[in-house]
PDB file of N, CA and C in Angstrom:
ATOM      1  N   UNK A   1       4.865 -31.315   4.736  1.00  0.00           N
ATOM      2  CA  UNK A   1       4.243 -30.069   4.330  1.00  0.00           C
ATOM      3  C   UNK A   1       5.254 -29.249   3.538  1.00  0.00           C
ATOM      4  N   UNK A   2       4.856 -28.746   2.394  1.00  0.00           N
ATOM      5  CA  UNK A   2       5.726 -27.963   1.527  1.00  0.00           C
ATOM      6  C   UNK A   2       5.548 -26.476   1.802  1.00  0.00           C
ATOM      7  N   UNK A   3       6.638 -25.668   1.693  1.00  0.00           N
ATOM      8  CA  UNK A   3       6.479 -24.218   1.862  1.00  0.00           C
ATOM      9  C   UNK A   3       5.666 -23.647   0.710  1.00  0.00           C
ATOM     10  N   UNK A   4       5.023 -22.497   0.928  1.00  0.00           N
ATOM     11  CA  UNK A   4       4.221 -21.874  -0.138  1.00  0.00           C
ATOM     12  C   UNK A   4       5.068 -21.564  -1.370  1.00  0.00           C
ATOM     13  N   UNK A   5       4.467 -21.685  -2.553  1.00  0.00           N
ATOM     14  CA  UNK A   5       5.170 -21.420  -3.801  1.00  0.00           C
ATOM     15  C   UNK A   5       4.792 -20.048  -4.365  1.00  0.00           C
ATOM     16  N   UNK A   6       4.209 -19.197  -3.559  1.00  0.00           N
ATOM     17  CA  UNK A   6       3.811 -17.849  -3.954  1.00  0.00           C
ATOM     18  C   UNK A   6       5.059 -17.030  -4.285  1.00  0.00           C
ATOM     19  N   UNK A   7       5.137 -16.390  -5.473  1.00  0.00           N
ATOM     20  CA  UNK A   7       6.315 -15.594  -5.851  1.00  0.00           C
ATOM     21  C   UNK A   7       6.618 -14.473  -4.860  1.00  0.00           C
ATOM     22  N   UNK A   8       5.592 -13.841  -4.301  1.00  0.00           N
ATOM     23  CA  UNK A   8       5.817 -12.759  -3.331  1.00  0.00           C
ATOM     24  C   UNK A   8       6.465 -13.324  -2.065  1.00  0.00           C
ATOM     25  N   UNK A   9       6.024 -14.506  -1.640  1.00  0.00           N
ATOM     26  CA  UNK A   9       6.603 -15.160  -0.469  1.00  0.00           C
ATOM     27  C   UNK A   9       8.066 -15.506  -0.725  1.00  0.00           C
ATOM     28  N   UNK A  10       8.363 -16.015  -1.895  1.00  0.00           N
ATOM     29  CA  UNK A  10       9.735 -16.392  -2.245  1.00  0.00           C
ATOM     30  C   UNK A  10      10.622 -15.156  -2.278  1.00  0.00           C
ATOM     31  N   UNK A  11      10.124 -14.052  -2.868  1.00  0.00           N
ATOM     32  CA  UNK A  11      10.889 -12.797  -2.912  1.00  0.00           C
ATOM     33  C   UNK A  11      11.150 -12.272  -1.510  1.00  0.00           C
ATOM     34  N   UNK A  12      10.126 -12.302  -0.650  1.00  0.00           N
ATOM     35  CA  UNK A  12      10.268 -11.822   0.717  1.00  0.00           C
ATOM     36  C   UNK A  12      11.278 -12.672   1.474  1.00  0.00           C
ATOM     37  N   UNK A  13      11.219 -13.967   1.288  1.00  0.00           N
ATOM     38  CA  UNK A  13      12.164 -14.873   1.931  1.00  0.00           C
ATOM     39  C   UNK A  13      13.588 -14.607   1.434  1.00  0.00           C
ATOM     40  N   UNK A  14      13.747 -14.348   0.130  1.00  0.00           N
ATOM     41  CA  UNK A  14      15.068 -14.037  -0.425  1.00  0.00           C
ATOM     42  C   UNK A  14      15.600 -12.728   0.145  1.00  0.00           C
ATOM     43  N   UNK A  15      14.742 -11.702   0.213  1.00  0.00           N
ATOM     44  CA  UNK A  15      15.161 -10.405   0.782  1.00  0.00           C
ATOM     45  C   UNK A  15      15.567 -10.565   2.238  1.00  0.00           C
ATOM     46  N   UNK A  16      14.777 -11.330   2.994  1.00  0.00           N
ATOM     47  CA  UNK A  16      15.093 -11.553   4.394  1.00  0.00           C
ATOM     48  C   UNK A  16      16.426 -12.278   4.542  1.00  0.00           C
ATOM     49  N   UNK A  17      16.674 -13.271   3.698  1.00  0.00           N
ATOM     50  CA  UNK A  17      17.933 -14.021   3.742  1.00  0.00           C
ATOM     51  C   UNK A  17      19.124 -13.119   3.431  1.00  0.00           C
ATOM     52  N   UNK A  18      18.953 -12.259   2.442  1.00  0.00           N
ATOM     53  CA  UNK A  18      20.032 -11.330   2.085  1.00  0.00           C
ATOM     54  C   UNK A  18      20.305 -10.369   3.233  1.00  0.00           C
ATOM     55  N   UNK A  19      19.236  -9.803   3.803  1.00  0.00           N
ATOM     56  CA  UNK A  19      19.407  -8.876   4.924  1.00  0.00           C
ATOM     57  C   UNK A  19      20.056  -9.563   6.113  1.00  0.00           C
ATOM     58  N   UNK A  20      19.654 -10.786   6.396  1.00  0.00           N
ATOM     59  CA  UNK A  20      20.246 -11.537   7.493  1.00  0.00           C
ATOM     60  C   UNK A  20      21.726 -11.783   7.235  1.00  0.00           C
ATOM     61  N   UNK A  21      22.062 -12.113   5.992  1.00  0.00           N
ATOM     62  CA  UNK A  21      23.461 -12.333   5.630  1.00  0.00           C
ATOM     63  C   UNK A  21      24.289 -11.069   5.766  1.00  0.00           C
ATOM     64  N   UNK A  22      23.728  -9.940   5.351  1.00  0.00           N
ATOM     65  CA  UNK A  22      24.447  -8.676   5.465  1.00  0.00           C
ATOM     66  C   UNK A  22      24.655  -8.278   6.918  1.00  0.00           C
ATOM     67  N   UNK A  23      23.668  -8.530   7.764  1.00  0.00           N
ATOM     68  CA  UNK A  23      23.799  -8.207   9.184  1.00  0.00           C
ATOM     69  C   UNK A  23      24.877  -9.061   9.841  1.00  0.00           C
ATOM     70  N   UNK A  24      25.050 -10.271   9.373  1.00  0.00           N
ATOM     71  CA  UNK A  24      26.022 -11.181   9.959  1.00  0.00           C
ATOM     72  C   UNK A  24      27.457 -10.837   9.574  1.00  0.00           C
ATOM     73  N   UNK A  25      27.642  -9.990   8.588  1.00  0.00           N
ATOM     74  CA  UNK A  25      28.979  -9.668   8.114  1.00  0.00           C
ATOM     75  C   UNK A  25      29.792  -8.872   9.123  1.00  0.00           C
ATOM     76  N   UNK A  26      29.155  -8.079   9.955  1.00  0.00           N
ATOM     77  CA  UNK A  26      29.867  -7.298  10.936  1.00  0.00           C
ATOM     78  C   UNK A  26      30.490  -6.027  10.382  1.00  0.00           C
ATOM     79  N   UNK A  27      30.345  -5.750   9.128  1.00  0.00           N
ATOM     80  CA  UNK A  27      30.844  -4.505   8.551  1.00  0.00           C
ATOM     81  C   UNK A  27      29.649  -3.629   8.209  1.00  0.00           C
ATOM     82  N   UNK A  28      29.917  -2.352   8.014  1.00  0.00           N
ATOM     83  CA  UNK A  28      28.815  -1.473   7.659  1.00  0.00           C
ATOM     84  C   UNK A  28      28.364  -1.789   6.248  1.00  0.00           C
ATOM     85  N   UNK A  29      27.108  -2.127   6.132  1.00  0.00           N
ATOM     86  CA  UNK A  29      26.560  -2.438   4.818  1.00  0.00           C
ATOM     87  C   UNK A  29      25.365  -1.530   4.566  1.00  0.00           C
ATOM     88  N   UNK A  30      25.103  -1.291   3.309  1.00  0.00           N
ATOM     89  CA  UNK A  30      23.991  -0.438   2.951  1.00  0.00           C
ATOM     90  C   UNK A  30      23.481  -0.831   1.579  1.00  0.00           C
ATOM     91  N   UNK A  31      22.264  -0.407   1.293  1.00  0.00           N
ATOM     92  CA  UNK A  31      21.661  -0.619  -0.016  1.00  0.00           C
ATOM     93  C   UNK A  31      21.207   0.727  -0.538  1.00  0.00           C
ATOM     94  N   UNK A  32      21.564   1.033  -1.779  1.00  0.00           N
ATOM     95  CA  UNK A  32      21.134   2.264  -2.416  1.00  0.00           C
ATOM     96  C   UNK A  32      19.999   1.939  -3.374  1.00  0.00           C
ATOM     97  N   UNK A  33      18.969   2.781  -3.352  1.00  0.00           N
ATOM     98  CA  UNK A  33      17.806   2.620  -4.201  1.00  0.00           C
ATOM     99  C   UNK A  33      17.617   3.894  -5.009  1.00  0.00           C
ATOM    100  N   UNK A  34      17.153   3.776  -6.239  1.00  0.00           N
ATOM    101  CA  UNK A  34      16.732   4.924  -7.048  1.00  0.00           C
ATOM    102  C   UNK A  34      15.221   4.982  -6.960  1.00  0.00           C
ATOM    103  N   UNK A  35      14.693   6.133  -6.531  1.00  0.00           N
ATOM    104  CA  UNK A  35      13.252   6.293  -6.366  1.00  0.00           C
ATOM    105  C   UNK A  35      12.755   7.405  -7.276  1.00  0.00           C
ATOM    106  N   UNK A  36      11.564   7.224  -7.825  1.00  0.00           N
ATOM    107  CA  UNK A  36      10.984   8.262  -8.672  1.00  0.00           C
ATOM    108  C   UNK A  36       9.485   8.335  -8.431  1.00  0.00           C
ATOM    109  N   UNK A  37       8.954   9.520  -8.682  1.00  0.00           N
ATOM    110  CA  UNK A  37       7.513   9.740  -8.601  1.00  0.00           C
ATOM    111  C   UNK A  37       7.110  10.500  -9.853  1.00  0.00           C
ATOM    112  N   UNK A  38       5.843  10.753  -9.982  1.00  0.00           N
ATOM    113  CA  UNK A  38       5.376  11.472 -11.173  1.00  0.00           C
ATOM    114  C   UNK A  38       5.792  12.937 -11.150  1.00  0.00           C
ATOM    115  N   UNK A  39       6.047  13.504  -9.958  1.00  0.00           N
ATOM    116  CA  UNK A  39       6.357  14.937  -9.878  1.00  0.00           C
ATOM    117  C   UNK A  39       7.834  15.244  -9.625  1.00  0.00           C
ATOM    118  N   UNK A  40       8.643  14.255  -9.247  1.00  0.00           N
ATOM    119  CA  UNK A  40      10.058  14.489  -8.934  1.00  0.00           C
ATOM    120  C   UNK A  40      10.965  13.701  -9.865  1.00  0.00           C
ATOM    121  N   UNK A  41      12.168  14.231 -10.049  1.00  0.00           N
ATOM    122  CA  UNK A  41      13.198  13.466 -10.756  1.00  0.00           C
ATOM    123  C   UNK A  41      13.630  12.325  -9.837  1.00  0.00           C
ATOM    124  N   UNK A  42      14.511  11.477 -10.334  1.00  0.00           N
ATOM    125  CA  UNK A  42      14.976  10.352  -9.521  1.00  0.00           C
ATOM    126  C   UNK A  42      15.686  10.866  -8.267  1.00  0.00           C
ATOM    127  N   UNK A  43      15.400  10.214  -7.162  1.00  0.00           N
ATOM    128  CA  UNK A  43      15.968  10.568  -5.867  1.00  0.00           C
ATOM    129  C   UNK A  43      16.617   9.314  -5.302  1.00  0.00           C
ATOM    130  N   UNK A  44      17.811   9.453  -4.750  1.00  0.00           N
ATOM    131  CA  UNK A  44      18.475   8.318  -4.113  1.00  0.00           C
ATOM    132  C   UNK A  44      17.935   8.115  -2.707  1.00  0.00           C
ATOM    133  N   UNK A  45      17.801   6.859  -2.340  1.00  0.00           N
ATOM    134  CA  UNK A  45      17.431   6.478  -0.987  1.00  0.00           C
ATOM    135  C   UNK A  45      18.434   5.430  -0.552  1.00  0.00           C
ATOM    136  N   UNK A  46      18.958   5.577   0.665  1.00  0.00           N
ATOM    137  CA  UNK A  46      19.954   4.641   1.174  1.00  0.00           C
ATOM    138  C   UNK A  46      19.432   4.027   2.463  1.00  0.00           C
ATOM    139  N   UNK A  47      19.481   2.703   2.537  1.00  0.00           N
ATOM    140  CA  UNK A  47      19.188   1.985   3.776  1.00  0.00           C
ATOM    141  C   UNK A  47      20.513   1.529   4.355  1.00  0.00           C
ATOM    142  N   UNK A  48      20.824   2.034   5.543  1.00  0.00           N
ATOM    143  CA  UNK A  48      22.080   1.697   6.209  1.00  0.00           C
ATOM    144  C   UNK A  48      21.757   1.300   7.639  1.00  0.00           C
ATOM    145  N   UNK A  49      21.997   0.027   7.937  1.00  0.00           N
ATOM    146  CA  UNK A  49      21.653  -0.540   9.247  1.00  0.00           C
ATOM    147  C   UNK A  49      20.207  -0.207   9.576  1.00  0.00           C
ATOM    148  N   UNK A  50      19.943   0.531  10.644  1.00  0.00           N
ATOM    149  CA  UNK A  50      18.566   0.842  11.041  1.00  0.00           C
ATOM    150  C   UNK A  50      18.206   2.285  10.710  1.00  0.00           C
ATOM    151  N   UNK A  51      18.756   2.802   9.614  1.00  0.00           N
ATOM    152  CA  UNK A  51      18.460   4.173   9.207  1.00  0.00           C
ATOM    153  C   UNK A  51      18.209   4.257   7.709  1.00  0.00           C
ATOM    154  N   UNK A  52      17.434   5.269   7.341  1.00  0.00           N
ATOM    155  CA  UNK A  52      17.166   5.560   5.943  1.00  0.00           C
ATOM    156  C   UNK A  52      17.578   7.000   5.681  1.00  0.00           C
ATOM    157  N   UNK A  53      18.256   7.220   4.567  1.00  0.00           N
ATOM    158  CA  UNK A  53      18.575   8.568   4.107  1.00  0.00           C
ATOM    159  C   UNK A  53      17.724   8.814   2.867  1.00  0.00           C
ATOM    160  N   UNK A  54      16.866   9.844   2.930  1.00  0.00           N
ATOM    161  CA  UNK A  54      15.971  10.129   1.814  1.00  0.00           C
ATOM    162  C   UNK A  54      15.674  11.620   1.785  1.00  0.00           C
ATOM    163  N   UNK A  55      15.880  12.240   0.635  1.00  0.00           N
ATOM    164  CA  UNK A  55      15.634  13.674   0.444  1.00  0.00           C
ATOM    165  C   UNK A  55      16.357  14.527   1.491  1.00  0.00           C
ATOM    166  N   UNK A  56      17.570  14.133   1.838  1.00  0.00           N
ATOM    167  CA  UNK A  56      18.361  14.895   2.796  1.00  0.00           C
ATOM    168  C   UNK A  56      18.008  14.638   4.251  1.00  0.00           C
ATOM    169  N   UNK A  57      17.006  13.812   4.502  1.00  0.00           N
ATOM    170  CA  UNK A  57      16.603  13.504   5.873  1.00  0.00           C
ATOM    171  C   UNK A  57      17.247  12.212   6.346  1.00  0.00           C
ATOM    172  N   UNK A  58      17.601  12.174   7.606  1.00  0.00           N
ATOM    173  CA  UNK A  58      18.123  10.990   8.273  1.00  0.00           C
ATOM    174  C   UNK A  58      16.964  10.427   9.089  1.00  0.00           C
ATOM    175  N   UNK A  59      16.444   9.271   8.708  1.00  0.00           N
ATOM    176  CA  UNK A  59      15.267   8.698   9.355  1.00  0.00           C
ATOM    177  C   UNK A  59      15.630   7.430  10.105  1.00  0.00           C
ATOM    178  N   UNK A  60      15.041   7.254  11.287  1.00  0.00           N
ATOM    179  CA  UNK A  60      15.264   6.056  12.095  1.00  0.00           C
ATOM    180  C   UNK A  60      14.230   4.995  11.766  1.00  0.00           C
ATOM    181  N   UNK A  61      14.633   3.744  11.871  1.00  0.00           N
ATOM    182  CA  UNK A  61      13.736   2.611  11.692  1.00  0.00           C
ATOM    183  C   UNK A  61      12.810   2.538  12.902  1.00  0.00           C
ATOM    184  N   UNK A  62      11.501   2.542  12.669  1.00  0.00           N
ATOM    185  CA  UNK A  62      10.519   2.530  13.758  1.00  0.00           C
ATOM    186  C   UNK A  62       9.902   1.150  13.978  1.00  0.00           C
ATOM    187  N   UNK A  63      10.030   0.258  13.002  1.00  0.00           N
ATOM    188  CA  UNK A  63       9.478  -1.082  13.138  1.00  0.00           C
ATOM    189  C   UNK A  63       8.900  -1.569  11.825  1.00  0.00           C
ATOM    190  N   UNK A  64       8.473  -2.816  11.834  1.00  0.00           N
ATOM    191  CA  UNK A  64       7.867  -3.436  10.657  1.00  0.00           C
ATOM    192  C   UNK A  64       6.576  -4.110  11.054  1.00  0.00           C
ATOM    193  N   UNK A  65       5.636  -4.091  10.135  1.00  0.00           N
ATOM    194  CA  UNK A  65       4.401  -4.855  10.271  1.00  0.00           C
ATOM    195  C   UNK A  65       4.190  -5.547   8.939  1.00  0.00           C
ATOM    196  N   UNK A  66       4.219  -6.869   8.945  1.00  0.00           N
ATOM    197  CA  UNK A  66       4.121  -7.608   7.691  1.00  0.00           C
ATOM    198  C   UNK A  66       5.329  -7.308   6.838  1.00  0.00           C
ATOM    199  N   UNK A  67       5.104  -6.932   5.581  1.00  0.00           N
ATOM    200  CA  UNK A  67       6.233  -6.651   4.693  1.00  0.00           C
ATOM    201  C   UNK A  67       6.521  -5.156   4.568  1.00  0.00           C
ATOM    202  N   UNK A  68       5.927  -4.343   5.437  1.00  0.00           N
ATOM    203  CA  UNK A  68       6.149  -2.901   5.410  1.00  0.00           C
ATOM    204  C   UNK A  68       7.057  -2.479   6.558  1.00  0.00           C
ATOM    205  N   UNK A  69       8.010  -1.610   6.247  1.00  0.00           N
ATOM    206  CA  UNK A  69       8.911  -1.055   7.252  1.00  0.00           C
ATOM    207  C   UNK A  69       8.605   0.427   7.405  1.00  0.00           C
ATOM    208  N   UNK A  70       8.707   0.922   8.631  1.00  0.00           N
ATOM    209  CA  UNK A  70       8.336   2.296   8.941  1.00  0.00           C
ATOM    210  C   UNK A  70       9.550   3.079   9.442  1.00  0.00           C
ATOM    211  N   UNK A  71       9.674   4.332   8.958  1.00  0.00           N
ATOM    212  CA  UNK A  71      10.793   5.199   9.304  1.00  0.00           C
ATOM    213  C   UNK A  71      10.273   6.594   9.632  1.00  0.00           C
ATOM    214  N   UNK A  72      10.979   7.288  10.529  1.00  0.00           N
ATOM    215  CA  UNK A  72      10.614   8.671  10.862  1.00  0.00           C
ATOM    216  C   UNK A  72      11.810   9.316  11.563  1.00  0.00           C
ATOM    217  N   UNK A  73      11.816  10.665  11.610  1.00  0.00           N
ATOM    218  CA  UNK A  73      12.879  11.367  12.331  1.00  0.00           C
ATOM    219  C   UNK A  73      12.745  11.131  13.826  1.00  0.00           C
ATOM    220  N   UNK A  74      11.508  11.053  14.305  1.00  0.00           N
ATOM    221  CA  UNK A  74      11.224  10.703  15.695  1.00  0.00           C
ATOM    222  C   UNK A  74      10.057   9.734  15.658  1.00  0.00           C
ATOM    223  N   UNK A  75      10.297   8.496  16.009  1.00  0.00           N
ATOM    224  CA  UNK A  75       9.275   7.459  15.882  1.00  0.00           C
ATOM    225  C   UNK A  75       8.063   7.747  16.768  1.00  0.00           C
ATOM    226  N   UNK A  76       6.862   7.692  16.183  1.00  0.00           N
ATOM    227  CA  UNK A  76       5.634   7.913  16.957  1.00  0.00           C
ATOM    228  C   UNK A  76       5.282   6.680  17.790  1.00  0.00           C
ATOM    229  N   UNK A  77       4.368   6.862  18.740  1.00  0.00           N
ATOM    230  CA  UNK A  77       3.926   5.738  19.582  1.00  0.00           C
ATOM    231  C   UNK A  77       3.294   4.640  18.732  1.00  0.00           C
ATOM    232  N   UNK A  78       2.534   5.025  17.708  1.00  0.00           N
ATOM    233  CA  UNK A  78       1.936   4.069  16.775  1.00  0.00           C
ATOM    234  C   UNK A  78       2.842   3.969  15.551  1.00  0.00           C
ATOM    235  N   UNK A  79       3.492   2.843  15.375  1.00  0.00           N
ATOM    236  CA  UNK A  79       4.433   2.652  14.264  1.00  0.00           C
ATOM    237  C   UNK A  79       3.823   3.030  12.918  1.00  0.00           C
ATOM    238  N   UNK A  80       2.562   2.692  12.712  1.00  0.00           N
ATOM    239  CA  UNK A  80       1.910   2.943  11.428  1.00  0.00           C
ATOM    240  C   UNK A  80       1.703   4.429  11.138  1.00  0.00           C
ATOM    241  N   UNK A  81       1.947   5.305  12.109  1.00  0.00           N
ATOM    242  CA  UNK A  81       1.820   6.748  11.908  1.00  0.00           C
ATOM    243  C   UNK A  81       3.151   7.392  11.516  1.00  0.00           C
ATOM    244  N   UNK A  82       4.157   6.587  11.225  1.00  0.00           N
ATOM    245  CA  UNK A  82       5.461   7.100  10.796  1.00  0.00           C
ATOM    246  C   UNK A  82       5.311   7.835   9.472  1.00  0.00           C
ATOM    247  N   UNK A  83       6.203   8.780   9.220  1.00  0.00           N
ATOM    248  CA  UNK A  83       6.093   9.603   8.009  1.00  0.00           C
ATOM    249  C   UNK A  83       6.465   8.842   6.740  1.00  0.00           C
ATOM    250  N   UNK A  84       7.270   7.782   6.872  1.00  0.00           N
ATOM    251  CA  UNK A  84       7.703   7.020   5.693  1.00  0.00           C
ATOM    252  C   UNK A  84       7.366   5.542   5.881  1.00  0.00           C
ATOM    253  N   UNK A  85       6.728   4.978   4.862  1.00  0.00           N
ATOM    254  CA  UNK A  85       6.441   3.547   4.815  1.00  0.00           C
ATOM    255  C   UNK A  85       7.140   2.984   3.586  1.00  0.00           C
ATOM    256  N   UNK A  86       7.924   1.918   3.785  1.00  0.00           N
ATOM    257  CA  UNK A  86       8.662   1.318   2.673  1.00  0.00           C
ATOM    258  C   UNK A  86       8.361  -0.170   2.605  1.00  0.00           C
ATOM    259  N   UNK A  87       8.062  -0.642   1.395  1.00  0.00           N
ATOM    260  CA  UNK A  87       7.805  -2.057   1.145  1.00  0.00           C
ATOM    261  C   UNK A  87       8.919  -2.569   0.230  1.00  0.00           C
ATOM    262  N   UNK A  88       9.960  -3.182   0.793  1.00  0.00           N
ATOM    263  CA  UNK A  88      11.110  -3.616  -0.016  1.00  0.00           C
ATOM    264  C   UNK A  88      10.755  -4.573  -1.144  1.00  0.00           C
ATOM    265  N   UNK A  89       9.787  -5.458  -0.933  1.00  0.00           N
ATOM    266  CA  UNK A  89       9.463  -6.453  -1.958  1.00  0.00           C
ATOM    267  C   UNK A  89       8.912  -5.830  -3.231  1.00  0.00           C
ATOM    268  N   UNK A  90       8.199  -4.716  -3.116  1.00  0.00           N
ATOM    269  CA  UNK A  90       7.638  -4.056  -4.298  1.00  0.00           C
ATOM    270  C   UNK A  90       8.381  -2.770  -4.666  1.00  0.00           C
ATOM    271  N   UNK A  91       9.192  -2.251  -3.731  1.00  0.00           N
ATOM    272  CA  UNK A  91       9.906  -0.991  -3.961  1.00  0.00           C
ATOM    273  C   UNK A  91       9.039   0.234  -3.730  1.00  0.00           C
ATOM    274  N   UNK A  92       7.832   0.060  -3.198  1.00  0.00           N
ATOM    275  CA  UNK A  92       6.934   1.184  -2.963  1.00  0.00           C
ATOM    276  C   UNK A  92       7.344   1.931  -1.701  1.00  0.00           C
ATOM    277  N   UNK A  93       7.519   3.250  -1.826  1.00  0.00           N
ATOM    278  CA  UNK A  93       7.857   4.102  -0.698  1.00  0.00           C
ATOM    279  C   UNK A  93       6.818   5.218  -0.624  1.00  0.00           C
ATOM    280  N   UNK A  94       6.218   5.385   0.553  1.00  0.00           N
ATOM    281  CA  UNK A  94       5.271   6.465   0.788  1.00  0.00           C
ATOM    282  C   UNK A  94       5.920   7.440   1.754  1.00  0.00           C
ATOM    283  N   UNK A  95       6.104   8.676   1.317  1.00  0.00           N
ATOM    284  CA  UNK A  95       6.722   9.716   2.136  1.00  0.00           C
ATOM    285  C   UNK A  95       5.692  10.815   2.355  1.00  0.00           C
ATOM    286  N   UNK A  96       5.112  10.851   3.564  1.00  0.00           N
ATOM    287  CA  UNK A  96       4.066  11.829   3.886  1.00  0.00           C
ATOM    288  C   UNK A  96       2.968  11.847   2.820  1.00  0.00           C
ATOM    289  N   UNK A  97       2.539  10.671   2.383  1.00  0.00           N
ATOM    290  CA  UNK A  97       1.462  10.556   1.416  1.00  0.00           C
ATOM    291  C   UNK A  97       1.893  10.589  -0.041  1.00  0.00           C
ATOM    292  N   UNK A  98       3.144  11.014  -0.322  1.00  0.00           N
ATOM    293  CA  UNK A  98       3.632  11.037  -1.695  1.00  0.00           C
ATOM    294  C   UNK A  98       4.216   9.671  -2.036  1.00  0.00           C
ATOM    295  N   UNK A  99       3.821   9.137  -3.193  1.00  0.00           N
ATOM    296  CA  UNK A  99       4.215   7.789  -3.602  1.00  0.00           C
ATOM    297  C   UNK A  99       5.452   7.815  -4.504  1.00  0.00           C
ATOM    298  N   UNK A 100       6.407   6.940  -4.190  1.00  0.00           N
ATOM    299  CA  UNK A 100       7.618   6.775  -4.979  1.00  0.00           C
ATOM    300  C   UNK A 100       7.766   5.291  -5.330  1.00  0.00           C
ATOM    301  N   UNK A 101       8.281   5.020  -6.507  1.00  0.00           N
ATOM    302  CA  UNK A 101       8.629   3.655  -6.900  1.00  0.00           C
ATOM    303  C   UNK A 101      10.139   3.562  -6.887  1.00  0.00           C
ATOM    304  N   UNK A 102      10.676   2.613  -6.122  1.00  0.00           N
ATOM    305  CA  UNK A 102      12.123   2.494  -5.941  1.00  0.00           C
ATOM    306  C   UNK A 102      12.637   1.169  -6.487  1.00  0.00           C
ATOM    307  N   UNK A 103      13.866   1.218  -6.972  1.00  0.00           N
ATOM    308  CA  UNK A 103      14.541   0.011  -7.466  1.00  0.00           C
ATOM    309  C   UNK A 103      15.951  -0.010  -6.886  1.00  0.00           C
ATOM    310  N   UNK A 104      16.332  -1.157  -6.345  1.00  0.00           N
ATOM    311  CA  UNK A 104      17.655  -1.301  -5.753  1.00  0.00           C
ATOM    312  C   UNK A 104      18.725  -1.226  -6.827  1.00  0.00           C
ATOM    313  N   UNK A 105      19.834  -0.590  -6.499  1.00  0.00           N
ATOM    314  CA  UNK A 105      20.968  -0.503  -7.445  1.00  0.00           C
ATOM    315  C   UNK A 105      21.923  -1.643  -7.181  1.00  0.00           C
TER     316      UNK A 105
END
């Protein structure tokens, strides 16, 4: 049986491999992203271990469902009710309903 040849699957697998490799390093690692929306100038977003820094807020990782990761200052009982949803494969970030397109630096 051959693995799927879907480009989204391959990208997700590559991202997962990179994240796994970074976690294995034992040093503090982070990824900086440039995010923009139609109403805001570019905003930096940083993913560091299990935290996100965005718009001056320090957000905790609340969990993942599929290819979406959820962050909030205080994680709700229902992960999907978190204030921030981030999809690394597409760079889409939703912050309290506001949509941002992000690209890794």
